[in-house]
Protein backbone atom coordinates (compact mmCIF):
# COMPACT_ATOMS: atom_id res chain seq x y z
CA MET A 1 7.15 33.71 -6.11
CA PHE A 2 6.41 37.13 -7.64
CA GLU A 3 2.68 37.25 -6.92
CA ASP A 4 3.10 40.48 -4.94
CA PHE A 5 5.42 42.08 -7.47
CA ASP A 6 3.91 44.79 -9.69
CA PHE A 7 5.34 44.07 -13.13
CA SER A 8 4.12 47.42 -14.44
CA ILE A 9 7.09 48.97 -12.61
CA LEU A 10 9.28 47.53 -15.37
CA ASN A 11 7.95 50.35 -17.57
CA ASP A 12 9.45 52.95 -15.21
CA PRO A 13 12.72 54.27 -16.72
CA SER A 14 14.27 54.34 -13.24
CA PHE A 15 13.90 50.55 -12.92
CA LYS A 16 17.27 49.49 -14.33
CA GLU A 17 19.82 46.67 -14.13
CA ASP A 18 20.47 47.02 -10.41
CA ALA A 19 16.76 46.67 -9.67
CA VAL A 20 16.51 43.60 -11.92
CA ARG A 21 19.41 42.07 -9.98
CA GLU A 22 17.94 42.61 -6.53
CA GLU A 23 14.21 42.27 -7.19
CA ILE A 24 14.13 39.49 -9.80
CA ILE A 25 17.36 37.49 -10.13
CA ALA A 26 18.44 37.34 -6.47
CA PRO A 27 15.18 35.69 -5.26
CA ILE A 28 15.37 33.13 -8.08
CA ILE A 29 18.95 32.20 -7.20
CA LYS A 30 18.05 31.83 -3.51
CA ARG A 31 15.08 29.60 -4.26
CA LEU A 32 17.25 27.40 -6.46
CA GLY A 33 19.41 26.72 -3.41
CA TYR A 34 22.50 28.91 -3.88
CA THR A 35 24.01 30.88 -0.99
CA LEU A 36 27.07 33.07 -0.39
CA SER A 37 28.96 30.15 1.16
CA GLY A 38 28.89 26.37 1.15
CA ASP A 39 28.92 23.82 -1.67
CA ASN A 40 26.26 25.58 -3.74
CA LYS A 41 27.66 29.08 -3.98
CA VAL A 42 26.75 32.30 -5.75
CA ILE A 43 29.57 34.77 -6.44
CA ARG A 44 28.66 38.31 -7.38
CA SER A 45 30.50 40.30 -10.08
CA LYS A 46 33.37 37.87 -10.46
CA PRO A 47 36.30 39.68 -12.12
CA ILE A 48 38.61 37.98 -14.58
CA LYS A 49 42.37 38.41 -14.79
CA HIS A 50 42.48 38.66 -18.58
CA PRO A 51 39.48 40.64 -19.96
CA PHE A 52 39.56 39.11 -23.42
CA CYS A 53 39.14 35.76 -25.16
CA TYR A 54 40.25 34.33 -28.48
CA ILE A 55 37.94 33.09 -31.23
CA GLY A 56 40.51 31.27 -33.36
CA THR A 57 43.23 33.88 -33.77
CA ILE A 58 40.90 36.84 -33.22
CA LYS A 59 41.19 38.58 -29.87
CA ARG A 60 37.81 39.63 -28.46
CA ASP A 61 37.57 42.17 -25.63
CA ILE A 62 35.13 41.41 -22.82
CA ASN A 63 33.38 44.61 -21.84
CA ILE A 64 31.07 43.29 -19.11
CA ILE A 65 31.32 41.34 -15.89
CA PRO A 66 28.12 39.28 -15.43
CA ASP A 67 26.43 39.80 -12.13
CA TYR A 68 26.35 36.23 -10.83
CA LEU A 69 28.54 33.16 -11.08
CA LEU A 70 27.00 29.91 -9.80
CA GLN A 71 29.32 27.24 -8.42
CA VAL A 72 28.66 23.72 -7.19
CA GLY A 73 31.52 22.15 -5.26
CA ASP A 74 33.94 24.90 -6.38
CA LYS A 75 33.20 24.13 -10.03
CA ASN A 76 31.88 26.96 -12.23
CA PHE A 77 28.59 26.11 -13.93
CA PHE A 78 26.61 29.24 -14.75
CA VAL A 79 26.94 32.97 -15.27
CA ILE A 80 23.88 35.21 -15.13
CA ASP A 81 23.81 38.81 -16.32
CA ALA A 82 21.13 41.36 -15.48
CA LYS A 83 19.88 43.79 -18.10
CA ALA A 84 17.43 46.66 -18.01
CA PRO A 85 13.83 45.83 -19.00
CA ASN A 86 14.22 47.46 -22.43
CA GLU A 87 17.35 45.43 -23.29
CA ASN A 88 17.40 42.52 -25.77
CA ILE A 89 18.35 39.21 -24.16
CA LYS A 90 17.55 36.87 -27.05
CA ASP A 91 20.40 37.75 -29.42
CA GLY A 92 22.78 40.54 -30.33
CA THR A 93 25.54 42.26 -28.38
CA ASN A 94 24.28 41.46 -24.88
CA VAL A 95 24.22 37.73 -25.59
CA GLU A 96 27.57 37.86 -27.37
CA GLN A 97 29.27 39.55 -24.41
CA CYS A 98 27.83 37.09 -21.90
CA TYR A 99 28.97 34.21 -24.13
CA SER A 100 32.47 35.70 -24.28
CA TYR A 101 32.61 35.73 -20.51
CA ALA A 102 31.37 32.12 -20.26
CA ILE A 103 34.10 30.81 -22.57
CA ALA A 104 36.88 32.93 -21.07
CA GLU A 105 38.92 31.79 -18.08
CA ILE A 106 35.74 31.31 -16.00
CA ARG A 107 34.67 28.55 -18.44
CA THR A 108 31.05 27.78 -17.64
CA PRO A 109 28.92 25.45 -19.80
CA TYR A 110 25.86 27.69 -19.41
CA TYR A 111 25.08 31.39 -19.36
CA ALA A 112 21.87 33.35 -18.89
CA LEU A 113 20.46 36.85 -19.15
CA CYS A 114 17.46 38.41 -17.44
CA ASN A 115 15.83 41.78 -18.08
CA GLY A 116 13.06 41.46 -15.52
CA ARG A 117 10.50 40.62 -18.17
CA GLN A 118 12.11 37.41 -19.39
CA ILE A 119 14.98 35.07 -18.64
CA SER A 120 16.95 33.41 -21.43
CA ILE A 121 19.31 30.49 -20.83
CA PHE A 122 22.01 29.40 -23.26
CA GLN A 123 24.34 26.44 -23.59
CA ILE A 124 27.70 27.30 -25.09
CA GLN A 125 27.37 24.46 -27.64
CA LYS A 126 24.07 25.83 -29.00
CA TYR A 127 23.18 29.05 -30.81
CA GLU A 128 19.55 29.56 -29.77
CA PRO A 129 18.43 29.80 -26.14
CA ILE A 130 17.63 26.40 -24.64
CA ILE A 131 15.03 28.12 -22.40
CA ILE A 132 13.26 31.46 -22.60
CA PHE A 133 10.08 32.44 -20.77
CA ASP A 134 8.30 35.37 -19.11
CA ILE A 135 9.18 35.97 -15.45
CA GLU A 136 5.46 36.43 -14.75
CA LYS A 137 5.04 32.75 -15.66
CA ILE A 138 7.90 31.49 -13.52
CA GLU A 139 5.72 29.17 -11.41
CA GLN A 140 4.52 27.34 -14.52
CA ASN A 141 8.13 27.04 -15.66
CA TRP A 142 9.82 26.43 -12.31
CA LYS A 143 10.41 22.70 -12.84
CA LEU A 144 12.02 23.52 -16.18
CA LEU A 145 14.24 26.17 -14.59
CA GLU A 146 15.15 23.86 -11.72
CA ARG A 147 16.02 21.13 -14.19
CA HIS A 148 18.71 23.30 -15.76
CA LEU A 149 19.96 25.60 -12.98
CA SER A 150 19.57 23.73 -9.68
CA PRO A 151 22.67 22.21 -8.04
CA LEU A 152 21.20 18.72 -8.49
CA ALA A 153 20.58 19.28 -12.19
CA LEU A 154 24.10 20.61 -12.76
CA THR A 155 25.84 17.75 -10.95
CA LYS A 156 23.45 14.84 -11.54
CA PRO A 157 21.36 15.66 -14.63
CA HIS A 158 20.46 11.99 -15.06
CA VAL A 159 18.11 12.34 -12.10
CA PHE A 160 15.95 14.58 -14.28
CA ASP A 161 16.60 12.96 -17.65
CA PHE A 162 16.10 9.26 -17.13
CA TYR A 163 13.40 8.79 -14.52
CA PRO A 164 9.78 8.73 -15.76
CA ASP A 165 7.15 10.49 -13.69
CA PHE A 166 5.04 8.02 -11.74
CA GLY A 167 1.88 10.13 -11.72
CA LEU A 168 2.01 10.52 -15.48
CA SER A 169 2.73 6.81 -15.88
CA ILE A 170 -0.46 6.02 -13.97
CA LEU A 171 -2.45 7.85 -16.62
CA LYS A 172 -0.56 6.19 -19.46
CA PHE A 173 -1.20 2.76 -17.95
CA ASN A 174 -4.90 3.64 -17.67
CA MET A 175 -4.78 3.39 -13.87
CA GLY A 176 -6.22 6.83 -13.22
CA ASN A 177 -9.32 5.27 -11.67
CA ILE A 178 -7.20 4.34 -8.62
CA LYS A 179 -7.55 7.66 -6.81
CA THR A 180 -5.76 7.04 -3.51
CA TRP A 181 -2.28 5.56 -3.13
CA VAL A 182 -0.41 4.56 0.00
CA PHE A 183 3.39 4.80 0.13
CA VAL A 184 4.71 3.08 3.24
CA GLU A 185 8.29 4.40 3.21
CA VAL A 186 9.11 7.59 1.31
CA ARG A 187 12.56 9.19 1.49
CA THR A 188 13.73 12.53 0.14
CA ASN A 189 16.73 14.83 0.49
CA LEU A 190 15.11 18.10 -0.60
CA ILE A 191 11.95 19.75 0.75
CA MET A 192 10.75 23.09 -0.60
CA ARG A 193 8.30 25.74 0.59
CA LEU A 194 6.51 27.13 -2.47
CA ASP A 195 4.65 29.89 -0.66
CA GLU A 196 3.07 30.59 2.74
CA ASP A 197 0.65 27.69 2.47
CA ASN A 198 2.17 25.12 0.10
CA TYR A 199 5.10 22.70 0.22
CA THR A 200 6.52 20.04 -2.07
CA PHE A 201 9.21 17.41 -2.44
CA THR A 202 10.25 14.90 -5.06
CA THR A 203 11.61 11.43 -4.49
CA LEU A 204 12.74 8.42 -6.48
CA ALA A 205 11.16 5.04 -5.86
CA PRO A 206 11.31 1.62 -7.52
CA PHE A 207 8.11 0.17 -8.93
CA GLY A 208 8.37 -3.15 -10.70
CA GLU A 209 11.54 -3.21 -12.78
CA ASN A 210 11.81 0.57 -13.14
CA GLU A 211 12.54 3.56 -10.93
CA TYR A 212 10.19 6.54 -11.02
CA ALA A 213 10.16 10.14 -9.88
CA LEU A 214 7.25 11.11 -7.61
CA THR A 215 6.26 14.64 -6.63
CA PHE A 216 4.19 15.21 -3.49
CA ASP A 217 2.40 18.51 -2.85
CA PHE A 218 0.88 19.38 0.52
CA ASN A 219 -0.53 22.33 2.48
CA LYS A 220 0.53 23.99 5.73
CA THR A 221 -1.68 21.79 7.93
CA LEU A 222 -0.22 18.62 6.44
CA TYR A 223 3.25 20.14 6.75
CA GLN A 224 2.83 20.11 10.53
CA SER A 225 1.70 16.50 10.31
CA PHE A 226 4.81 15.75 8.28
CA LEU A 227 7.05 17.25 10.98
CA ASN A 228 5.27 15.19 13.64
CA SER A 229 5.94 12.02 11.64
CA ILE A 230 9.74 12.27 11.57
CA ASP A 231 12.61 12.51 14.04
CA LYS A 232 12.28 15.59 16.28
CA ASP A 233 15.79 16.92 15.60
CA MET A 234 15.29 16.59 11.86
CA ALA A 235 11.90 18.27 12.14
CA VAL A 236 13.50 21.27 13.89
CA LYS A 237 16.19 21.53 11.19
CA ILE A 238 13.70 21.36 8.33
CA ASP A 239 11.34 23.86 9.94
CA MET A 240 14.18 26.36 10.50
CA ASP A 241 15.39 25.96 6.90
CA LEU A 242 11.93 26.55 5.44
CA LYS A 243 11.33 29.70 7.46
CA ARG A 244 14.16 31.57 5.73
CA ALA A 245 15.33 32.10 2.18
CA PRO A 246 15.86 30.21 -0.06
CA PHE A 247 13.08 28.14 1.61
CA ASN A 248 14.72 24.80 0.81
CA SER A 249 15.89 22.12 3.20
CA PHE A 250 18.65 19.82 1.96
CA LEU A 251 19.09 16.50 3.77
CA GLN A 252 21.50 13.63 3.57
CA PRO A 253 20.20 10.50 1.80
CA ASN A 254 18.11 8.27 4.06
CA GLU A 255 18.01 10.83 6.91
CA ILE A 256 14.24 10.72 7.05
CA ALA A 257 11.49 8.31 6.04
CA VAL A 258 7.76 8.92 6.21
CA GLY A 259 4.57 7.14 5.21
CA ILE A 260 2.21 8.93 2.83
CA LYS A 261 -1.37 8.56 1.74
CA ALA A 262 -2.04 10.68 -1.35
CA ASP A 263 -4.52 11.22 -4.13
CA VAL A 264 -3.51 11.34 -7.76
CA GLY A 265 -3.37 14.96 -8.88
CA LYS A 266 -6.13 16.36 -11.04
CA LYS A 267 -3.97 18.25 -13.51
CA VAL A 268 -0.94 17.30 -15.59
CA ILE A 269 1.61 20.10 -15.40
CA SER A 270 3.62 20.91 -18.51
CA ASN A 271 6.65 23.18 -18.51
CA GLY A 272 7.56 22.91 -22.17
CA ASP A 273 10.26 20.30 -21.58
CA GLU A 274 8.39 17.64 -19.66
CA ASP A 275 5.01 16.73 -18.21
CA TYR A 276 4.41 15.52 -14.68
CA LEU A 277 1.46 14.77 -12.41
CA PRO A 278 2.00 15.59 -8.71
CA PHE A 279 0.31 13.65 -5.93
CA SER A 280 -1.78 15.58 -3.42
CA VAL A 281 -0.97 14.37 0.11
CA THR A 282 -3.94 13.61 2.36
CA GLU A 283 -2.06 12.04 5.28
CA PHE A 284 1.44 11.55 6.68
CA PHE A 285 2.20 8.75 9.12
CA LYS A 286 5.25 7.49 10.94
CA VAL A 287 7.28 4.65 9.52
CA GLU A 288 7.44 1.75 11.93
CA PHE A 289 10.69 -0.16 11.57
CA ALA A 290 10.90 -3.78 12.71
């Protein structure tokens, strides 16, 4: 998502916290699916009524107001604070202040800091960051970031924690020689545009006695085929959603169903927390209901 961003500008002394907010953090939050209104909401510079917190009997002043508060269904989940590129976001005063805010009256289970070069994510029950990576490598780490910050991950983490990846399972079961798979009825409630030419969605499907997560990647040509394979009104909604930030389209369960022919991906993707093997779609077709 930052392929056109010149990271050398981070060395310019004039590139400070406000630039990190607008150029780095804001696009990430939009892509995760947060907006200024609705169920998945981002609130900027949320003030607190009592700018202090207590650690035991010790009163600790809170000297910052983190830049973003993420809410899902009016429940506070995450605060994110922007720092200048030369600021430390792994430990020290910056992390301590953001932690103080998270455990004050806002009470979020997670907090994060970003200096444009890296993003570090903390859980209030743990001392070390649970995630830290370079922003330049955000695409390689996107699934990991989505797993911890997306609305689905914050409200239904079991979706990410307990479902094995079907593509990876194929390799583990030594079934990689079966190149092409046909899925006669695939449903999803989230479709994402990765860039100008690439799209993806993940779904859950039962196979045998277990339920698996499947990821399907496809290009712009196949995207048009996908739209032609579903209800026209739904196709219009999805297309409008994916033409504007955050380039996600959320659907109600069972709103759409589509048939898919896909090849097993050629590369296992690892994000440091999990491995998965996406399917590469070769054809979409309409589902014919009896």
